[in-house]
Amino acid sequence: MTTMNARATAAGLLAVAFTVLGVVPADAAEGLPAAPTPEQAASAPGTLDTLSRFFARDGALARGAAAPRVDGASVPVRVLSPDFVAGKPGAPVARVEFRASRAVASDGQKASLWTVKQPGGGWQVVNIATGDDEIRYAELGHGFVFREPQIDAWYVLRGAEVLPLDEDAVRAVGRGGTSLAAYRERVVRAYGDKLPGSSYARRGAAGGYDEPAPREMPALAAVGAGAALLLALTATATLRRQRGTRRP
């Protein structure tokens, strides 16, 4: 599907196969130890040093001039739940996969720091992504905000209504949104036969895209274990493409 939005997910791995955030090995963010809170993990000296390299990539500015800072508290990032698509009783439409914090450089560049709760306790930064979509949409929605990563659409759940927060969501459910029941019917049609364990997933067709999506750093190491958000923290990794001038 070459017309599919290229910003969908890390190399398509969070697409229709619903690969989920699982146990992250300790070396996923080498040199960045766990901290008691997402905010402490995001603002730790090692993280800020990595951010300096990240913001200075490709000569954008001198590493020593980046002066990164973490702006505000972290926010929960919810992603469309496979249990909801599968019709599991009581399953919410989305579930929290990680927390995101906004980082800002001296020249105005923004990045999103993704932190994950570790099995041994504490939070660890596992990814840096360009832009601040995760935080911006959480602020815009002021409520139960979630992402449908297969089409890179952001929504807010208001009562029994699913309302769009960006143009990708508008194309999916209309500018006025849709009911939660109608939204579930739509995602069942789109993804119901592509859940984990399906023949689609067993064929290795996770993603279903003809081209890689550069929005986040590739998450390849744990795909077989269903933990596709194992993201290497390096300033030279593939970056997600900015949304540019598109705003909700």
Protein backbone atom coordinates (compact mmCIF):
# COMPACT_ATOMS: atom_id res chain seq x y z
CA MET A 1 0.00 0.00 0.00
CA THR A 2 2.37 2.68 -1.20
CA THR A 3 -0.19 5.41 -0.59
CA MET A 4 -0.35 4.61 3.12
CA ASN A 5 1.01 7.38 5.29
CA ALA A 6 4.76 6.80 5.62
CA ARG A 7 4.71 8.13 9.15
CA ALA A 8 2.67 5.16 10.34
CA THR A 9 5.14 3.34 12.60
CA ALA A 10 8.69 2.12 13.04
CA ALA A 11 9.29 0.32 9.76
CA GLY A 12 5.61 -0.67 9.81
CA LEU A 13 6.14 -2.94 12.80
CA LEU A 14 3.36 -1.37 14.82
CA ALA A 15 0.96 -1.69 11.95
CA VAL A 16 -1.79 -4.20 11.49
CA ALA A 17 -0.06 -7.01 13.37
CA PHE A 18 -0.56 -5.13 16.67
CA THR A 19 2.90 -5.89 17.97
CA VAL A 20 3.02 -4.61 21.52
CA LEU A 21 5.41 -3.08 23.96
CA GLY A 22 6.86 -5.89 26.02
CA VAL A 23 9.85 -6.52 28.24
CA VAL A 24 12.68 -4.27 27.18
CA PRO A 25 16.17 -5.75 27.66
CA ALA A 26 18.63 -3.70 29.67
CA ASP A 27 20.74 -2.89 26.63
CA ALA A 28 17.86 -1.29 24.75
CA ALA A 29 19.08 2.09 25.99
CA GLU A 30 22.68 1.37 26.86
CA GLY A 31 24.11 3.84 29.35
CA LEU A 32 20.71 5.18 30.39
CA PRO A 33 19.83 3.56 33.72
CA ALA A 34 16.33 3.25 35.09
CA ALA A 35 15.00 6.03 37.32
CA PRO A 36 12.15 6.17 39.82
CA THR A 37 9.88 8.24 37.54
CA PRO A 38 9.56 8.89 33.78
CA GLU A 39 10.45 12.52 34.40
CA GLN A 40 13.65 11.62 36.21
CA ALA A 41 14.61 9.18 33.47
CA ALA A 42 13.97 11.83 30.81
CA SER A 43 15.99 14.53 32.56
CA ALA A 44 18.91 12.34 33.72
CA PRO A 45 22.38 13.60 32.74
CA GLY A 46 22.97 10.63 30.43
CA THR A 47 19.67 11.27 28.64
CA LEU A 48 20.45 14.96 28.18
CA ASP A 49 23.85 14.07 26.76
CA THR A 50 22.22 11.70 24.28
CA LEU A 51 19.72 14.41 23.40
CA SER A 52 22.59 16.79 22.64
CA ARG A 53 23.92 14.28 20.10
CA PHE A 54 20.43 13.70 18.76
CA PHE A 55 19.72 17.39 18.20
CA ALA A 56 23.17 17.91 16.68
CA ARG A 57 22.73 15.15 14.08
CA ASP A 58 23.59 16.06 10.51
CA GLY A 59 25.19 19.29 11.70
CA ALA A 60 21.89 20.86 12.71
CA LEU A 61 23.78 22.68 15.45
CA ALA A 62 26.88 22.14 17.54
CA ARG A 63 26.50 19.43 20.14
CA GLY A 64 27.76 21.77 22.84
CA ALA A 65 25.17 24.37 21.84
CA ALA A 66 22.14 22.06 21.93
CA ALA A 67 21.40 22.74 25.62
CA PRO A 68 18.46 20.29 25.70
CA ARG A 69 15.83 20.56 28.39
CA VAL A 70 12.75 18.52 29.26
CA ASP A 71 9.60 20.61 29.09
CA GLY A 72 6.81 19.58 31.46
CA ALA A 73 5.59 16.27 32.80
CA SER A 74 5.34 13.02 30.88
CA VAL A 75 2.05 11.91 29.35
CA PRO A 76 0.63 8.41 28.86
CA VAL A 77 0.61 7.28 25.24
CA ARG A 78 -2.27 4.97 24.39
CA VAL A 79 -2.41 2.76 21.32
CA LEU A 80 -5.40 0.95 19.80
CA SER A 81 -5.82 -2.31 21.69
CA PRO A 82 -5.92 -5.68 19.92
CA ASP A 83 -8.26 -6.87 22.68
CA PHE A 84 -10.74 -4.18 21.63
CA VAL A 85 -10.48 -5.22 17.99
CA ALA A 86 -10.90 -8.86 18.98
CA GLY A 87 -14.05 -8.05 20.95
CA LYS A 88 -12.75 -9.08 24.36
CA PRO A 89 -15.42 -8.18 26.95
CA GLY A 90 -14.58 -5.03 28.85
CA ALA A 91 -11.50 -4.25 26.77
CA PRO A 92 -10.82 -0.51 26.45
CA VAL A 93 -10.36 0.97 23.00
CA ALA A 94 -6.69 1.62 23.72
CA ARG A 95 -4.06 0.84 26.30
CA VAL A 96 -1.05 2.72 27.62
CA GLU A 97 2.12 1.51 25.91
CA PHE A 98 4.64 4.04 27.23
CA ARG A 99 4.98 7.56 28.58
CA ALA A 100 6.35 10.45 26.55
CA SER A 101 8.17 13.61 27.58
CA ARG A 102 8.87 16.65 25.43
CA ALA A 103 12.50 17.66 24.97
CA VAL A 104 13.48 21.01 23.46
CA ALA A 105 16.82 22.17 22.06
CA SER A 106 18.24 25.68 22.09
CA ASP A 107 17.32 26.18 18.42
CA GLY A 108 13.71 25.13 18.96
CA GLN A 109 13.97 21.52 17.78
CA LYS A 110 11.60 19.21 19.66
CA ALA A 111 11.79 15.52 20.41
CA SER A 112 9.69 12.97 22.24
CA LEU A 113 11.36 10.78 24.87
CA TRP A 114 9.62 7.43 25.31
CA THR A 115 9.95 5.81 28.75
CA VAL A 116 8.92 2.32 29.77
CA LYS A 117 8.41 0.74 33.20
CA GLN A 118 11.05 -1.94 33.70
CA PRO A 119 10.35 -5.38 35.22
CA GLY A 120 12.92 -4.76 37.94
CA GLY A 121 11.42 -1.39 38.83
CA GLY A 122 12.00 2.12 37.63
CA TRP A 123 11.55 3.77 34.24
CA GLN A 124 13.93 3.76 31.29
CA VAL A 125 14.12 5.85 28.14
CA VAL A 126 13.89 3.47 25.17
CA ASN A 127 13.44 5.84 22.24
CA ILE A 128 13.91 9.39 21.07
CA ALA A 129 11.65 10.45 18.20
CA THR A 130 11.64 13.72 16.31
CA GLY A 131 8.79 16.08 16.99
CA ASP A 132 6.40 16.11 19.92
CA ASP A 133 3.23 14.55 18.50
CA GLU A 134 2.62 12.39 21.56
CA ILE A 135 2.62 15.32 23.98
CA ARG A 136 0.95 17.78 21.62
CA TYR A 137 -2.06 15.55 20.95
CA ALA A 138 -2.38 14.72 24.65
CA GLU A 139 -2.56 18.46 25.34
CA LEU A 140 -4.97 19.04 22.47
CA GLY A 141 -7.34 16.26 23.45
CA HIS A 142 -7.48 16.90 27.19
CA GLY A 143 -8.73 13.42 27.94
CA PHE A 144 -8.49 9.81 26.78
CA VAL A 145 -6.26 10.40 23.76
CA PHE A 146 -5.10 7.43 21.70
CA ARG A 147 -3.36 6.60 18.46
CA GLU A 148 -4.30 4.18 15.73
CA PRO A 149 -0.74 3.52 14.55
CA GLN A 150 -1.74 1.64 11.43
CA ILE A 151 -2.76 4.96 9.82
CA ASP A 152 -0.99 7.34 12.23
CA ALA A 153 -4.32 8.76 13.38
CA TRP A 154 -4.93 10.46 16.73
CA TYR A 155 -8.28 10.53 18.51
CA VAL A 156 -9.86 11.49 21.79
CA LEU A 157 -12.58 9.36 23.38
CA ARG A 158 -15.38 11.53 24.79
CA GLY A 159 -18.03 9.39 26.44
CA ALA A 160 -19.16 7.01 23.70
CA GLU A 161 -17.80 9.15 20.87
CA VAL A 162 -14.46 8.88 19.08
CA LEU A 163 -13.40 12.33 17.86
CA PRO A 164 -10.52 13.08 15.44
CA LEU A 165 -7.49 15.13 16.45
CA ASP A 166 -5.64 15.16 13.13
CA GLU A 167 -6.34 14.87 9.43
CA ASP A 168 -5.52 11.15 9.33
CA ALA A 169 -8.27 10.59 11.89
CA VAL A 170 -10.65 12.88 9.99
CA ARG A 171 -10.18 10.73 6.90
CA ALA A 172 -10.96 7.64 8.98
CA VAL A 173 -14.03 8.75 10.96
CA GLY A 174 -15.08 12.09 9.52
CA ARG A 175 -14.61 15.56 10.94
CA GLY A 176 -17.48 15.07 13.36
CA GLY A 177 -16.18 11.74 14.63
CA THR A 178 -18.14 8.58 15.16
CA SER A 179 -19.60 6.41 17.89
CA LEU A 180 -17.38 4.00 19.77
CA ALA A 181 -19.48 1.13 18.44
CA ALA A 182 -19.08 2.31 14.84
CA TYR A 183 -15.36 2.84 15.37
CA ARG A 184 -14.99 -0.72 16.59
CA GLU A 185 -16.83 -2.00 13.51
CA ARG A 186 -14.37 -0.08 11.35
CA VAL A 187 -11.23 -1.40 13.04
CA VAL A 188 -12.61 -4.94 13.07
CA ARG A 189 -13.08 -4.72 9.31
CA ALA A 190 -9.60 -3.30 8.88
CA TYR A 191 -7.61 -5.40 11.33
CA GLY A 192 -9.75 -8.20 12.69
CA ASP A 193 -8.06 -10.83 10.54
CA LYS A 194 -4.56 -9.50 11.27
CA LEU A 195 -4.32 -9.92 15.02
CA PRO A 196 -1.45 -11.79 16.70
CA GLY A 197 -1.75 -15.50 15.97
CA SER A 198 -3.67 -14.96 12.74
CA SER A 199 -2.56 -16.52 9.47
CA TYR A 200 -1.68 -13.00 8.34
CA ALA A 201 0.74 -12.59 11.25
CA ARG A 202 2.14 -16.11 10.82
CA ARG A 203 2.99 -15.30 7.21
CA GLY A 204 5.22 -12.53 8.48
CA ALA A 205 3.04 -9.90 6.87
CA ALA A 206 3.09 -7.59 9.89
CA GLY A 207 2.87 -4.05 8.62
CA GLY A 208 1.61 -4.80 5.14
CA TYR A 209 3.40 -1.80 3.67
CA ASP A 210 5.54 -1.71 0.56
CA GLU A 211 7.91 0.86 2.02
CA PRO A 212 9.45 1.36 5.48
CA ALA A 213 8.06 4.10 7.65
CA PRO A 214 10.82 6.31 9.04
CA ARG A 215 8.84 7.99 11.76
CA GLU A 216 10.54 6.24 14.64
CA MET A 217 13.83 4.45 15.04
CA PRO A 218 13.58 0.83 13.85
CA ALA A 219 12.34 -1.71 16.37
CA LEU A 220 13.73 -4.95 15.06
CA ALA A 221 15.41 -6.82 17.88
CA ALA A 222 12.37 -8.22 19.64
CA VAL A 223 9.82 -8.63 16.88
CA GLY A 224 9.79 -12.39 17.24
CA ALA A 225 8.83 -12.01 20.87
CA GLY A 226 6.08 -9.54 20.06
CA ALA A 227 7.94 -6.58 21.59
CA ALA A 228 8.40 -4.39 18.56
CA LEU A 229 9.13 -1.24 20.50
CA LEU A 230 12.68 -2.21 21.40
CA LEU A 231 14.27 0.94 20.07
CA ALA A 232 18.00 1.66 19.94
CA LEU A 233 18.93 5.03 21.41
CA THR A 234 21.41 6.36 18.87
CA ALA A 235 21.55 9.75 17.23
CA THR A 236 22.30 8.22 13.82
CA ALA A 237 19.31 5.87 13.70
CA THR A 238 16.52 6.38 11.19
CA LEU A 239 14.30 9.24 12.28
CA ARG A 240 10.59 9.57 12.00
CA ARG A 241 9.54 12.14 9.46
CA GLN A 242 8.21 15.37 10.92
CA ARG A 243 4.58 16.23 10.32
CA GLY A 244 5.81 19.46 8.77
CA THR A 245 3.19 22.18 8.51
CA ARG A 246 0.29 19.82 9.04
CA ARG A 247 -1.52 20.71 12.21
CA PRO A 248 -4.88 19.59 13.55
